[in-house]
Amino acid sequence: QVQLVESGGGLVQAGGSLRLSCAASGNRFSVYVMAWYRQAPGKQREFIASISSGGSTNYADSVKGRFSMSRDNTKMTVYLQMNSLKPEDTAVYYCATGPYVGTYNYWGQGTQVTVTS
């Protein structure tokens, strides 16, 4: 069983930065793919970024160049550094994990990010 707990969300002005964290429990963290998704009101959940066990990252076009995902296997934590935030980045951000890219069996409860103009 894996549990994920996100933190770091909040209210920020456009152009600002936030760093989200996702702390994991369980014994598969180091070998699992980790990912961030987001869901804005009235919209479907959207892929943001993923990172493999080896540290290879993949980003959605909408955040490429602004967001950066990293992982610390010793702390069983992944991070999402979000820079140059825009109002359209406002959403609930979710952490997810699973054995393969695109196959995420476990999800966190989400953390709210609100970007004001």
PDB file of N, CA and C in Angstrom:
ATOM      1  N   GLN A   1       0.845  -1.189   0.000  1.00  0.00           N
ATOM      2  CA  GLN A   1       0.000   0.000   0.000  1.00  0.00           C
ATOM      3  C   GLN A   1       0.884   1.244   0.000  1.00  0.00           C
ATOM      4  N   VAL A   2       0.489   2.234  -0.777  1.00  0.00           N
ATOM      5  CA  VAL A   2       1.228   3.484  -0.875  1.00  0.00           C
ATOM      6  C   VAL A   2       0.294   4.618  -0.498  1.00  0.00           C
ATOM      7  N   GLN A   3       0.789   5.527   0.310  1.00  0.00           N
ATOM      8  CA  GLN A   3       0.043   6.743   0.628  1.00  0.00           C
ATOM      9  C   GLN A   3       0.844   7.954   0.196  1.00  0.00           C
ATOM     10  N   LEU A   4       0.138   8.931  -0.355  1.00  0.00           N
ATOM     11  CA  LEU A   4       0.769  10.147  -0.855  1.00  0.00           C
ATOM     12  C   LEU A   4       0.126  11.352  -0.180  1.00  0.00           C
ATOM     13  N   VAL A   5       0.962  12.273   0.274  1.00  0.00           N
ATOM     14  CA  VAL A   5       0.461  13.482   0.931  1.00  0.00           C
ATOM     15  C   VAL A   5       1.120  14.689   0.291  1.00  0.00           C
ATOM     16  N   GLU A   6       0.306  15.519  -0.368  1.00  0.00           N
ATOM     17  CA  GLU A   6       0.814  16.731  -1.005  1.00  0.00           C
ATOM     18  C   GLU A   6       0.812  17.899  -0.019  1.00  0.00           C
ATOM     19  N   SER A   7       1.707  18.834  -0.265  1.00  0.00           N
ATOM     20  CA  SER A   7       1.744  20.065   0.523  1.00  0.00           C
ATOM     21  C   SER A   7       2.389  21.153  -0.323  1.00  0.00           C
ATOM     22  N   GLY A   8       2.260  22.392   0.151  1.00  0.00           N
ATOM     23  CA  GLY A   8       2.936  23.504  -0.523  1.00  0.00           C
ATOM     24  C   GLY A   8       2.048  24.382  -1.366  1.00  0.00           C
ATOM     25  N   GLY A   9       0.780  24.015  -1.495  1.00  0.00           N
ATOM     26  CA  GLY A   9      -0.120  24.850  -2.274  1.00  0.00           C
ATOM     27  C   GLY A   9      -0.408  26.154  -1.550  1.00  0.00           C
ATOM     28  N   GLY A  10      -1.061  27.060  -2.257  1.00  0.00           N
ATOM     29  CA  GLY A  10      -1.407  28.331  -1.649  1.00  0.00           C
ATOM     30  C   GLY A  10      -1.830  29.350  -2.673  1.00  0.00           C
ATOM     31  N   LEU A  11      -1.833  30.598  -2.225  1.00  0.00           N
ATOM     32  CA  LEU A  11      -2.239  31.728  -3.057  1.00  0.00           C
ATOM     33  C   LEU A  11      -0.997  32.514  -3.459  1.00  0.00           C
ATOM     34  N   VAL A  12      -0.876  32.807  -4.742  1.00  0.00           N
ATOM     35  CA  VAL A  12       0.303  33.518  -5.235  1.00  0.00           C
ATOM     36  C   VAL A  12      -0.118  34.428  -6.386  1.00  0.00           C
ATOM     37  N   GLN A  13       0.594  35.516  -6.552  1.00  0.00           N
ATOM     38  CA  GLN A  13       0.315  36.417  -7.663  1.00  0.00           C
ATOM     39  C   GLN A  13       0.927  35.888  -8.953  1.00  0.00           C
ATOM     40  N   ALA A  14       0.349  36.276 -10.054  1.00  0.00           N
ATOM     41  CA  ALA A  14       0.897  35.900 -11.353  1.00  0.00           C
ATOM     42  C   ALA A  14       2.364  36.322 -11.442  1.00  0.00           C
ATOM     43  N   GLY A  15       3.167  35.423 -11.996  1.00  0.00           N
ATOM     44  CA  GLY A  15       4.595  35.653 -12.079  1.00  0.00           C
ATOM     45  C   GLY A  15       5.374  35.101 -10.904  1.00  0.00           C
ATOM     46  N   GLY A  16       4.670  34.707  -9.880  1.00  0.00           N
ATOM     47  CA  GLY A  16       5.313  34.178  -8.684  1.00  0.00           C
ATOM     48  C   GLY A  16       5.648  32.707  -8.807  1.00  0.00           C
ATOM     49  N   SER A  17       6.136  32.152  -7.693  1.00  0.00           N
ATOM     50  CA  SER A  17       6.578  30.756  -7.666  1.00  0.00           C
ATOM     51  C   SER A  17       6.010  30.036  -6.452  1.00  0.00           C
ATOM     52  N   LEU A  18       5.865  28.752  -6.594  1.00  0.00           N
ATOM     53  CA  LEU A  18       5.503  27.858  -5.498  1.00  0.00           C
ATOM     54  C   LEU A  18       6.248  26.552  -5.699  1.00  0.00           C
ATOM     55  N   ARG A  19       6.502  25.854  -4.598  1.00  0.00           N
ATOM     56  CA  ARG A  19       7.063  24.512  -4.687  1.00  0.00           C
ATOM     57  C   ARG A  19       6.136  23.554  -3.960  1.00  0.00           C
ATOM     58  N   LEU A  20       5.620  22.599  -4.699  1.00  0.00           N
ATOM     59  CA  LEU A  20       4.790  21.559  -4.121  1.00  0.00           C
ATOM     60  C   LEU A  20       5.653  20.368  -3.736  1.00  0.00           C
ATOM     61  N   SER A  21       5.244  19.710  -2.654  1.00  0.00           N
ATOM     62  CA  SER A  21       5.912  18.488  -2.222  1.00  0.00           C
ATOM     63  C   SER A  21       4.887  17.373  -2.150  1.00  0.00           C
ATOM     64  N   CYS A  22       5.371  16.163  -2.355  1.00  0.00           N
ATOM     65  CA  CYS A  22       4.529  14.977  -2.220  1.00  0.00           C
ATOM     66  C   CYS A  22       5.345  13.929  -1.481  1.00  0.00           C
ATOM     67  N   ALA A  23       4.938  13.654  -0.254  1.00  0.00           N
ATOM     68  CA  ALA A  23       5.627  12.673   0.569  1.00  0.00           C
ATOM     69  C   ALA A  23       4.922  11.332   0.446  1.00  0.00           C
ATOM     70  N   ALA A  24       5.706  10.292   0.207  1.00  0.00           N
ATOM     71  CA  ALA A  24       5.151   8.961  -0.009  1.00  0.00           C
ATOM     72  C   ALA A  24       5.512   8.028   1.126  1.00  0.00           C
ATOM     73  N   SER A  25       4.646   7.074   1.355  1.00  0.00           N
ATOM     74  CA  SER A  25       4.942   5.973   2.273  1.00  0.00           C
ATOM     75  C   SER A  25       4.820   4.677   1.494  1.00  0.00           C
ATOM     76  N   GLY A  26       5.438   3.616   2.013  1.00  0.00           N
ATOM     77  CA  GLY A  26       5.419   2.352   1.295  1.00  0.00           C
ATOM     78  C   GLY A  26       6.795   1.995   0.793  1.00  0.00           C
ATOM     79  N   ASN A  27       6.950   0.799   0.278  1.00  0.00           N
ATOM     80  CA  ASN A  27       8.288   0.326  -0.068  1.00  0.00           C
ATOM     81  C   ASN A  27       8.555   0.287  -1.572  1.00  0.00           C
ATOM     82  N   ARG A  28       7.715   0.933  -2.367  1.00  0.00           N
ATOM     83  CA  ARG A  28       7.923   0.892  -3.819  1.00  0.00           C
ATOM     84  C   ARG A  28       8.337   2.239  -4.380  1.00  0.00           C
ATOM     85  N   PHE A  29       8.545   3.212  -3.518  1.00  0.00           N
ATOM     86  CA  PHE A  29       8.777   4.573  -3.998  1.00  0.00           C
ATOM     87  C   PHE A  29       9.936   4.647  -4.969  1.00  0.00           C
ATOM     88  N   SER A  30      11.043   4.024  -4.628  1.00  0.00           N
ATOM     89  CA  SER A  30      12.248   4.209  -5.429  1.00  0.00           C
ATOM     90  C   SER A  30      12.132   3.614  -6.825  1.00  0.00           C
ATOM     91  N   VAL A  31      11.205   2.694  -7.024  1.00  0.00           N
ATOM     92  CA  VAL A  31      11.104   2.048  -8.340  1.00  0.00           C
ATOM     93  C   VAL A  31       9.877   2.498  -9.118  1.00  0.00           C
ATOM     94  N   TYR A  32       9.008   3.249  -8.481  1.00  0.00           N
ATOM     95  CA  TYR A  32       7.786   3.671  -9.138  1.00  0.00           C
ATOM     96  C   TYR A  32       7.971   4.999  -9.866  1.00  0.00           C
ATOM     97  N   VAL A  33       7.159   5.179 -10.903  1.00  0.00           N
ATOM     98  CA  VAL A  33       7.053   6.464 -11.573  1.00  0.00           C
ATOM     99  C   VAL A  33       6.181   7.376 -10.712  1.00  0.00           C
ATOM    100  N   MET A  34       6.565   8.621 -10.619  1.00  0.00           N
ATOM    101  CA  MET A  34       5.787   9.619  -9.888  1.00  0.00           C
ATOM    102  C   MET A  34       5.290  10.661 -10.880  1.00  0.00           C
ATOM    103  N   ALA A  35       4.128  11.199 -10.607  1.00  0.00           N
ATOM    104  CA  ALA A  35       3.556  12.169 -11.531  1.00  0.00           C
ATOM    105  C   ALA A  35       2.764  13.236 -10.785  1.00  0.00           C
ATOM    106  N   TRP A  36       2.611  14.352 -11.450  1.00  0.00           N
ATOM    107  CA  TRP A  36       1.731  15.426 -10.981  1.00  0.00           C
ATOM    108  C   TRP A  36       0.636  15.644 -12.032  1.00  0.00           C
ATOM    109  N   TYR A  37      -0.575  15.779 -11.535  1.00  0.00           N
ATOM    110  CA  TYR A  37      -1.719  16.146 -12.350  1.00  0.00           C
ATOM    111  C   TYR A  37      -2.380  17.363 -11.701  1.00  0.00           C
ATOM    112  N   ARG A  38      -3.261  17.998 -12.433  1.00  0.00           N
ATOM    113  CA  ARG A  38      -4.042  19.092 -11.864  1.00  0.00           C
ATOM    114  C   ARG A  38      -5.452  19.064 -12.440  1.00  0.00           C
ATOM    115  N   GLN A  39      -6.369  19.635 -11.670  1.00  0.00           N
ATOM    116  CA  GLN A  39      -7.753  19.721 -12.121  1.00  0.00           C
ATOM    117  C   GLN A  39      -8.314  21.074 -11.739  1.00  0.00           C
ATOM    118  N   ALA A  40      -8.678  21.835 -12.755  1.00  0.00           N
ATOM    119  CA  ALA A  40      -9.304  23.138 -12.544  1.00  0.00           C
ATOM    120  C   ALA A  40     -10.814  22.954 -12.487  1.00  0.00           C
ATOM    121  N   PRO A  41     -11.514  23.887 -11.858  1.00  0.00           N
ATOM    122  CA  PRO A  41     -12.973  23.771 -11.766  1.00  0.00           C
ATOM    123  C   PRO A  41     -13.615  23.629 -13.144  1.00  0.00           C
ATOM    124  N   GLY A  42     -14.474  22.621 -13.278  1.00  0.00           N
ATOM    125  CA  GLY A  42     -15.185  22.414 -14.525  1.00  0.00           C
ATOM    126  C   GLY A  42     -14.372  21.784 -15.635  1.00  0.00           C
ATOM    127  N   LYS A  43     -13.135  21.385 -15.327  1.00  0.00           N
ATOM    128  CA  LYS A  43     -12.265  20.793 -16.350  1.00  0.00           C
ATOM    129  C   LYS A  43     -11.832  19.398 -15.944  1.00  0.00           C
ATOM    130  N   GLN A  44     -11.374  18.639 -16.934  1.00  0.00           N
ATOM    131  CA  GLN A  44     -10.872  17.301 -16.646  1.00  0.00           C
ATOM    132  C   GLN A  44      -9.494  17.372 -16.016  1.00  0.00           C
ATOM    133  N   ARG A  45      -9.148  16.305 -15.319  1.00  0.00           N
ATOM    134  CA  ARG A  45      -7.811  16.220 -14.738  1.00  0.00           C
ATOM    135  C   ARG A  45      -6.784  16.203 -15.863  1.00  0.00           C
ATOM    136  N   GLU A  46      -5.708  16.947 -15.669  1.00  0.00           N
ATOM    137  CA  GLU A  46      -4.714  17.183 -16.715  1.00  0.00           C
ATOM    138  C   GLU A  46      -3.339  16.736 -16.243  1.00  0.00           C
ATOM    139  N   PHE A  47      -2.632  16.004 -17.077  1.00  0.00           N
ATOM    140  CA  PHE A  47      -1.253  15.610 -16.783  1.00  0.00           C
ATOM    141  C   PHE A  47      -0.365  16.844 -16.786  1.00  0.00           C
ATOM    142  N   ILE A  48       0.554  16.914 -15.812  1.00  0.00           N
ATOM    143  CA  ILE A  48       1.484  18.027 -15.722  1.00  0.00           C
ATOM    144  C   ILE A  48       2.916  17.560 -15.947  1.00  0.00           C
ATOM    145  N   ALA A  49       3.339  16.553 -15.167  1.00  0.00           N
ATOM    146  CA  ALA A  49       4.729  16.121 -15.242  1.00  0.00           C
ATOM    147  C   ALA A  49       4.867  14.727 -14.650  1.00  0.00           C
ATOM    148  N   SER A  50       5.910  14.037 -15.067  1.00  0.00           N
ATOM    149  CA  SER A  50       6.227  12.745 -14.475  1.00  0.00           C
ATOM    150  C   SER A  50       7.732  12.595 -14.367  1.00  0.00           C
ATOM    151  N   ILE A  51       8.133  11.699 -13.476  1.00  0.00           N
ATOM    152  CA  ILE A  51       9.553  11.417 -13.305  1.00  0.00           C
ATOM    153  C   ILE A  51       9.715   9.928 -13.057  1.00  0.00           C
ATOM    154  N   SER A  52      10.629   9.324 -13.788  1.00  0.00           N
ATOM    155  CA  SER A  52      10.863   7.897 -13.645  1.00  0.00           C
ATOM    156  C   SER A  52      11.732   7.617 -12.420  1.00  0.00           C
ATOM    157  N   SER A  53      11.899   6.337 -12.124  1.00  0.00           N
ATOM    158  CA  SER A  53      12.749   5.959 -11.001  1.00  0.00           C
ATOM    159  C   SER A  53      14.191   6.417 -11.221  1.00  0.00           C
ATOM    160  N   GLY A  54      14.580   6.526 -12.473  1.00  0.00           N
ATOM    161  CA  GLY A  54      15.929   6.945 -12.797  1.00  0.00           C
ATOM    162  C   GLY A  54      16.093   8.437 -12.930  1.00  0.00           C
ATOM    163  N   GLY A  55      14.989   9.180 -12.799  1.00  0.00           N
ATOM    164  CA  GLY A  55      15.071  10.634 -12.833  1.00  0.00           C
ATOM    165  C   GLY A  55      14.721  11.269 -14.163  1.00  0.00           C
ATOM    166  N   SER A  56      14.295  10.486 -15.137  1.00  0.00           N
ATOM    167  CA  SER A  56      13.890  11.066 -16.425  1.00  0.00           C
ATOM    168  C   SER A  56      12.541  11.747 -16.272  1.00  0.00           C
ATOM    169  N   THR A  57      12.443  12.959 -16.797  1.00  0.00           N
ATOM    170  CA  THR A  57      11.223  13.748 -16.631  1.00  0.00           C
ATOM    171  C   THR A  57      10.500  13.966 -17.950  1.00  0.00           C
ATOM    172  N   ASN A  58       9.220  14.225 -17.821  1.00  0.00           N
ATOM    173  CA  ASN A  58       8.375  14.516 -18.968  1.00  0.00           C
ATOM    174  C   ASN A  58       7.367  15.570 -18.523  1.00  0.00           C
ATOM    175  N   TYR A  59       7.114  16.561 -19.384  1.00  0.00           N
ATOM    176  CA  TYR A  59       6.243  17.667 -19.011  1.00  0.00           C
ATOM    177  C   TYR A  59       5.176  17.920 -20.062  1.00  0.00           C
ATOM    178  N   ALA A  60       4.044  18.397 -19.604  1.00  0.00           N
ATOM    179  CA  ALA A  60       3.029  18.875 -20.524  1.00  0.00           C
ATOM    180  C   ALA A  60       3.525  20.155 -21.186  1.00  0.00           C
ATOM    181  N   ASP A  61       3.098  20.373 -22.411  1.00  0.00           N
ATOM    182  CA  ASP A  61       3.529  21.566 -23.143  1.00  0.00           C
ATOM    183  C   ASP A  61       3.147  22.849 -22.394  1.00  0.00           C
ATOM    184  N   SER A  62       2.027  22.807 -21.690  1.00  0.00           N
ATOM    185  CA  SER A  62       1.526  24.008 -21.017  1.00  0.00           C
ATOM    186  C   SER A  62       2.422  24.472 -19.880  1.00  0.00           C
ATOM    187  N   VAL A  63       3.285  23.611 -19.369  1.00  0.00           N
ATOM    188  CA  VAL A  63       4.139  23.987 -18.242  1.00  0.00           C
ATOM    189  C   VAL A  63       5.623  23.861 -18.564  1.00  0.00           C
ATOM    190  N   LYS A  64       5.937  23.363 -19.739  1.00  0.00           N
ATOM    191  CA  LYS A  64       7.340  23.154 -20.106  1.00  0.00           C
ATOM    192  C   LYS A  64       8.108  24.472 -20.045  1.00  0.00           C
ATOM    193  N   GLY A  65       9.249  24.450 -19.391  1.00  0.00           N
ATOM    194  CA  GLY A  65      10.055  25.652 -19.254  1.00  0.00           C
ATOM    195  C   GLY A  65       9.720  26.471 -18.028  1.00  0.00           C
ATOM    196  N   ARG A  66       8.581  26.193 -17.400  1.00  0.00           N
ATOM    197  CA  ARG A  66       8.177  26.933 -16.197  1.00  0.00           C
ATOM    198  C   ARG A  66       8.171  26.042 -14.952  1.00  0.00           C
ATOM    199  N   PHE A  67       7.810  24.790 -15.125  1.00  0.00           N
ATOM    200  CA  PHE A  67       7.729  23.854 -14.006  1.00  0.00           C
ATOM    201  C   PHE A  67       8.878  22.858 -14.089  1.00  0.00           C
ATOM    202  N   SER A  68       9.318  22.396 -12.921  1.00  0.00           N
ATOM    203  CA  SER A  68      10.386  21.414 -12.858  1.00  0.00           C
ATOM    204  C   SER A  68      10.070  20.398 -11.775  1.00  0.00           C
ATOM    205  N   MET A  69      10.153  19.130 -12.152  1.00  0.00           N
ATOM    206  CA  MET A  69       9.861  18.049 -11.202  1.00  0.00           C
ATOM    207  C   MET A  69      11.146  17.346 -10.811  1.00  0.00           C
ATOM    208  N   SER A  70      11.249  17.011  -9.538  1.00  0.00           N
ATOM    209  CA  SER A  70      12.423  16.289  -9.049  1.00  0.00           C
ATOM    210  C   SER A  70      11.988  15.300  -7.987  1.00  0.00           C
ATOM    211  N   ARG A  71      12.878  14.400  -7.649  1.00  0.00           N
ATOM    212  CA  ARG A  71      12.567  13.411  -6.616  1.00  0.00           C
ATOM    213  C   ARG A  71      13.790  13.191  -5.737  1.00  0.00           C
ATOM    214  N   ASP A  72      13.508  12.916  -4.475  1.00  0.00           N
ATOM    215  CA  ASP A  72      14.543  12.574  -3.502  1.00  0.00           C
ATOM    216  C   ASP A  72      14.159  11.220  -2.933  1.00  0.00           C
ATOM    217  N   ASN A  73      14.806  10.171  -3.422  1.00  0.00           N
ATOM    218  CA  ASN A  73      14.426   8.823  -2.993  1.00  0.00           C
ATOM    219  C   ASN A  73      14.750   8.584  -1.520  1.00  0.00           C
ATOM    220  N   THR A  74      15.741   9.264  -0.995  1.00  0.00           N
ATOM    221  CA  THR A  74      16.089   9.067   0.418  1.00  0.00           C
ATOM    222  C   THR A  74      15.000   9.632   1.323  1.00  0.00           C
ATOM    223  N   LYS A  75      14.324  10.669   0.861  1.00  0.00           N
ATOM    224  CA  LYS A  75      13.232  11.269   1.633  1.00  0.00           C
ATOM    225  C   LYS A  75      11.864  10.779   1.166  1.00  0.00           C
ATOM    226  N   MET A  76      11.858   9.959   0.121  1.00  0.00           N
ATOM    227  CA  MET A  76      10.608   9.446  -0.443  1.00  0.00           C
ATOM    228  C   MET A  76       9.664  10.601  -0.757  1.00  0.00           C
ATOM    229  N   THR A  77      10.201  11.597  -1.408  1.00  0.00           N
ATOM    230  CA  THR A  77       9.452  12.813  -1.701  1.00  0.00           C
ATOM    231  C   THR A  77       9.745  13.266  -3.126  1.00  0.00           C
ATOM    232  N   VAL A  78       8.696  13.748  -3.779  1.00  0.00           N
ATOM    233  CA  VAL A  78       8.875  14.409  -5.062  1.00  0.00           C
ATOM    234  C   VAL A  78       8.457  15.866  -4.917  1.00  0.00           C
ATOM    235  N   TYR A  79       8.989  16.673  -5.804  1.00  0.00           N
ATOM    236  CA  TYR A  79       8.741  18.104  -5.748  1.00  0.00           C
ATOM    237  C   TYR A  79       8.301  18.603  -7.122  1.00  0.00           C
ATOM    238  N   LEU A  80       7.516  19.659  -7.089  1.00  0.00           N
ATOM    239  CA  LEU A  80       7.160  20.349  -8.321  1.00  0.00           C
ATOM    240  C   LEU A  80       7.439  21.824  -8.105  1.00  0.00           C
ATOM    241  N   GLN A  81       8.520  22.296  -8.703  1.00  0.00           N
ATOM    242  CA  GLN A  81       8.858  23.710  -8.635  1.00  0.00           C
ATOM    243  C   GLN A  81       8.113  24.423  -9.746  1.00  0.00           C
ATOM    244  N   MET A  82       7.282  25.384  -9.371  1.00  0.00           N
ATOM    245  CA  MET A  82       6.449  26.097 -10.339  1.00  0.00           C
ATOM    246  C   MET A  82       6.858  27.555 -10.367  1.00  0.00           C
ATOM    247  N   ASN A  83       7.370  27.987 -11.500  1.00  0.00           N
ATOM    248  CA  ASN A  83       7.798  29.375 -11.677  1.00  0.00           C
ATOM    249  C   ASN A  83       6.932  30.067 -12.724  1.00  0.00           C
ATOM    250  N   SER A  84       6.998  31.378 -12.745  1.00  0.00           N
ATOM    251  CA  SER A  84       6.249  32.172 -13.727  1.00  0.00           C
ATOM    252  C   SER A  84       4.785  31.736 -13.787  1.00  0.00           C
ATOM    253  N   LEU A  85       4.202  31.632 -12.623  1.00  0.00           N
ATOM    254  CA  LEU A  85       2.829  31.126 -12.542  1.00  0.00           C
ATOM    255  C   LEU A  85       1.845  32.079 -13.217  1.00  0.00           C
ATOM    256  N   LYS A  86       0.811  31.481 -13.807  1.00  0.00           N
ATOM    257  CA  LYS A  86      -0.234  32.219 -14.517  1.00  0.00           C
ATOM    258  C   LYS A  86      -1.587  31.915 -13.877  1.00  0.00           C
ATOM    259  N   PRO A  87      -2.548  32.803 -14.033  1.00  0.00           N
ATOM    260  CA  PRO A  87      -3.888  32.512 -13.480  1.00  0.00           C
ATOM    261  C   PRO A  87      -4.455  31.188 -13.977  1.00  0.00           C
ATOM    262  N   GLU A  88      -4.112  30.802 -15.197  1.00  0.00           N
ATOM    263  CA  GLU A  88      -4.631  29.530 -15.727  1.00  0.00           C
ATOM    264  C   GLU A  88      -3.977  28.304 -15.091  1.00  0.00           C
ATOM    265  N   ASP A  89      -2.984  28.518 -14.245  1.00  0.00           N
ATOM    266  CA  ASP A  89      -2.400  27.413 -13.483  1.00  0.00           C
ATOM    267  C   ASP A  89      -3.220  27.104 -12.234  1.00  0.00           C
ATOM    268  N   THR A  90      -4.217  27.917 -11.951  1.00  0.00           N
ATOM    269  CA  THR A  90      -5.062  27.692 -10.786  1.00  0.00           C
ATOM    270  C   THR A  90      -5.785  26.354 -10.906  1.00  0.00           C
ATOM    271  N   ALA A  91      -5.618  25.509  -9.896  1.00  0.00           N
ATOM    272  CA  ALA A  91      -6.198  24.164  -9.921  1.00  0.00           C
ATOM    273  C   ALA A  91      -5.871  23.471  -8.613  1.00  0.00           C
ATOM    274  N   VAL A  92      -6.482  22.311  -8.436  1.00  0.00           N
ATOM    275  CA  VAL A  92      -6.041  21.395  -7.390  1.00  0.00           C
ATOM    276  C   VAL A  92      -4.986  20.489  -8.025  1.00  0.00           C
ATOM    277  N   TYR A  93      -3.837  20.411  -7.369  1.00  0.00           N
ATOM    278  CA  TYR A  93      -2.716  19.629  -7.872  1.00  0.00           C
ATOM    279  C   TYR A  93      -2.625  18.309  -7.118  1.00  0.00           C
ATOM    280  N   TYR A  94      -2.526  17.232  -7.880  1.00  0.00           N
ATOM    281  CA  TYR A  94      -2.495  15.894  -7.321  1.00  0.00           C
ATOM    282  C   TYR A  94      -1.178  15.200  -7.644  1.00  0.00           C
ATOM    283  N   CYS A  95      -0.704  14.465  -6.686  1.00  0.00           N
ATOM    284  CA  CYS A  95       0.449  13.603  -6.852  1.00  0.00           C
ATOM    285  C   CYS A  95      -0.058  12.186  -7.107  1.00  0.00           C
ATOM    286  N   ALA A  96       0.634  11.441  -7.963  1.00  0.00           N
ATOM    287  CA  ALA A  96       0.223  10.079  -8.262  1.00  0.00           C
ATOM    288  C   ALA A  96       1.452   9.213  -8.468  1.00  0.00           C
ATOM    289  N   THR A  97       1.271   7.903  -8.298  1.00  0.00           N
ATOM    290  CA  THR A  97       2.385   6.999  -8.499  1.00  0.00           C
ATOM    291  C   THR A  97       1.911   5.643  -9.005  1.00  0.00           C
ATOM    292  N   GLY A  98       2.809   4.957  -9.682  1.00  0.00           N
ATOM    293  CA  GLY A  98       2.495   3.639 -10.199  1.00  0.00           C
ATOM    294  C   GLY A  98       3.709   3.017 -10.843  1.00  0.00           C
ATOM    295  N   PRO A  99       3.569   1.781 -11.317  1.00  0.00           N
ATOM    296  CA  PRO A  99       4.725   1.060 -11.841  1.00  0.00           C
ATOM    297  C   PRO A  99       5.195   1.511 -13.222  1.00  0.00           C
ATOM    298  N   TYR A 100       4.292   2.134 -13.981  1.00  0.00           N
ATOM    299  CA  TYR A 100       4.652   2.537 -15.334  1.00  0.00           C
ATOM    300  C   TYR A 100       4.136   3.940 -15.626  1.00  0.00           C
ATOM    301  N   VAL A 101       4.758   4.598 -16.568  1.00  0.00           N
ATOM    302  CA  VAL A 101       4.269   5.906 -17.009  1.00  0.00           C
ATOM    303  C   VAL A 101       2.844   5.748 -17.522  1.00  0.00           C
ATOM    304  N   GLY A 102       1.958   6.556 -16.992  1.00  0.00           N
ATOM    305  CA  GLY A 102       0.561   6.514 -17.402  1.00  0.00           C
ATOM    306  C   GLY A 102      -0.295   5.538 -16.625  1.00  0.00           C
ATOM    307  N   THR A 103       0.316   4.739 -15.786  1.00  0.00           N
ATOM    308  CA  THR A 103      -0.418   3.779 -14.955  1.00  0.00           C
ATOM    309  C   THR A 103      -0.203   4.131 -13.499  1.00  0.00           C
ATOM    310  N   TYR A 104      -1.140   4.879 -12.963  1.00  0.00           N
ATOM    311  CA  TYR A 104      -0.991   5.388 -11.600  1.00  0.00           C
ATOM    312  C   TYR A 104      -2.081   4.820 -10.719  1.00  0.00           C
ATOM    313  N   ASN A 105      -1.663   3.978  -9.783  1.00  0.00           N
ATOM    314  CA  ASN A 105      -2.594   3.261  -8.935  1.00  0.00           C
ATOM    315  C   ASN A 105      -2.941   4.025  -7.661  1.00  0.00           C
ATOM    316  N   TYR A 106      -2.085   4.951  -7.298  1.00  0.00           N
ATOM    317  CA  TYR A 106      -2.240   5.643  -6.030  1.00  0.00           C
ATOM    318  C   TYR A 106      -2.220   7.150  -6.259  1.00  0.00           C
ATOM    319  N   TRP A 107      -3.126   7.823  -5.532  1.00  0.00           N
ATOM    320  CA  TRP A 107      -3.268   9.272  -5.678  1.00  0.00           C
ATOM    321  C   TRP A 107      -3.306   9.931  -4.305  1.00  0.00           C
ATOM    322  N   GLY A 108      -2.789  11.143  -4.250  1.00  0.00           N
ATOM    323  CA  GLY A 108      -2.918  11.933  -3.041  1.00  0.00           C
ATOM    324  C   GLY A 108      -4.261  12.645  -3.011  1.00  0.00           C
ATOM    325  N   GLN A 109      -4.442  13.427  -1.941  1.00  0.00           N
ATOM    326  CA  GLN A 109      -5.722  14.102  -1.746  1.00  0.00           C
ATOM    327  C   GLN A 109      -5.787  15.442  -2.458  1.00  0.00           C
ATOM    328  N   GLY A 110      -4.643  15.936  -2.909  1.00  0.00           N
ATOM    329  CA  GLY A 110      -4.601  17.181  -3.655  1.00  0.00           C
ATOM    330  C   GLY A 110      -4.272  18.384  -2.792  1.00  0.00           C
ATOM    331  N   THR A 111      -3.694  19.397  -3.438  1.00  0.00           N
ATOM    332  CA  THR A 111      -3.410  20.660  -2.768  1.00  0.00           C
ATOM    333  C   THR A 111      -3.803  21.792  -3.720  1.00  0.00           C
ATOM    334  N   GLN A 112      -4.448  22.802  -3.163  1.00  0.00           N
ATOM    335  CA  GLN A 112      -4.986  23.886  -3.986  1.00  0.00           C
ATOM    336  C   GLN A 112      -3.899  24.910  -4.306  1.00  0.00           C
ATOM    337  N   VAL A 113      -3.819  25.276  -5.567  1.00  0.00           N
ATOM    338  CA  VAL A 113      -2.953  26.369  -6.012  1.00  0.00           C
ATOM    339  C   VAL A 113      -3.841  27.406  -6.685  1.00  0.00           C
ATOM    340  N   THR A 114      -3.757  28.630  -6.192  1.00  0.00           N
ATOM    341  CA  THR A 114      -4.546  29.717  -6.750  1.00  0.00           C
ATOM    342  C   THR A 114      -3.606  30.846  -7.160  1.00  0.00           C
ATOM    343  N   VAL A 115      -3.679  31.230  -8.425  1.00  0.00           N
ATOM    344  CA  VAL A 115      -2.823  32.287  -8.960  1.00  0.00           C
ATOM    345  C   VAL A 115      -3.707  33.467  -9.334  1.00  0.00           C
ATOM    346  N   THR A 116      -3.436  34.613  -8.722  1.00  0.00           N
ATOM    347  CA  THR A 116      -4.239  35.807  -8.971  1.00  0.00           C
ATOM    348  C   THR A 116      -3.544  36.713  -9.974  1.00  0.00           C
ATOM    349  N   SER A 117      -4.333  37.432 -10.741  1.00  0.00           N
ATOM    350  CA  SER A 117      -3.772  38.334 -11.760  1.00  0.00           C
ATOM    351  C   SER A 117      -3.528  39.720 -11.190  1.00  0.00           C
TER     352      SER A 117
END
